[in-house]
Amino acid sequence: MGHKRGCLTTLVENAAVMPIAAPKKKGSLMPALTVVFLISYGLMAMLIVEQGKAIQAQHNLIQVLQRDSMEFWATKGKEQSDKAASARAHATGTQNPSAHGKVQAPSTQAPHQNPTAKASKQHIQMPPVPASDMGDQRRVLITL
């Protein structure tokens, strides 16, 4: 037991003589990473806000263009119906000469078709379909 006690005193004495090396403090990257992290989230928030504004502007533009398109096609349809009505009135006027009080000379042109048949053949024109929307019929797979 005496031997153990002597070793312990020797260790204590040697420890007091030997200086204990304190670990060198390394520069911490945590504050720099925190700043970069906050800046990146700020930029991402600004990007999201700007994208929201751009999407809303596109939405408004689409609504305006849709309204204009509807007005255009309504006008186009009215023109077609007016044209058909004037053609009917013209056809009725040439077929019934006693209605105007004048007698017209016989025409050498081909007789007019029935105006109701002509009106039923007229279709309202639809806007052209983009080529990207049309399917390539050569590549359509038909299975039974």
Foldseek 3Di string as FASTA:
>chain_A
DVVVVVVVVVVVVVPVVDDDDDDDDDDDCVVVVVVVVVVVVVVVVVVVVVVVVVVVVVVVVVVVVVVVVVVVLVVQVVVLVVVLVVVQVVLVCVVDVVVVVDDDDDDPDDRDDDSVVVSVPDDRDDDDDDPVPDDDVVPDDDDD
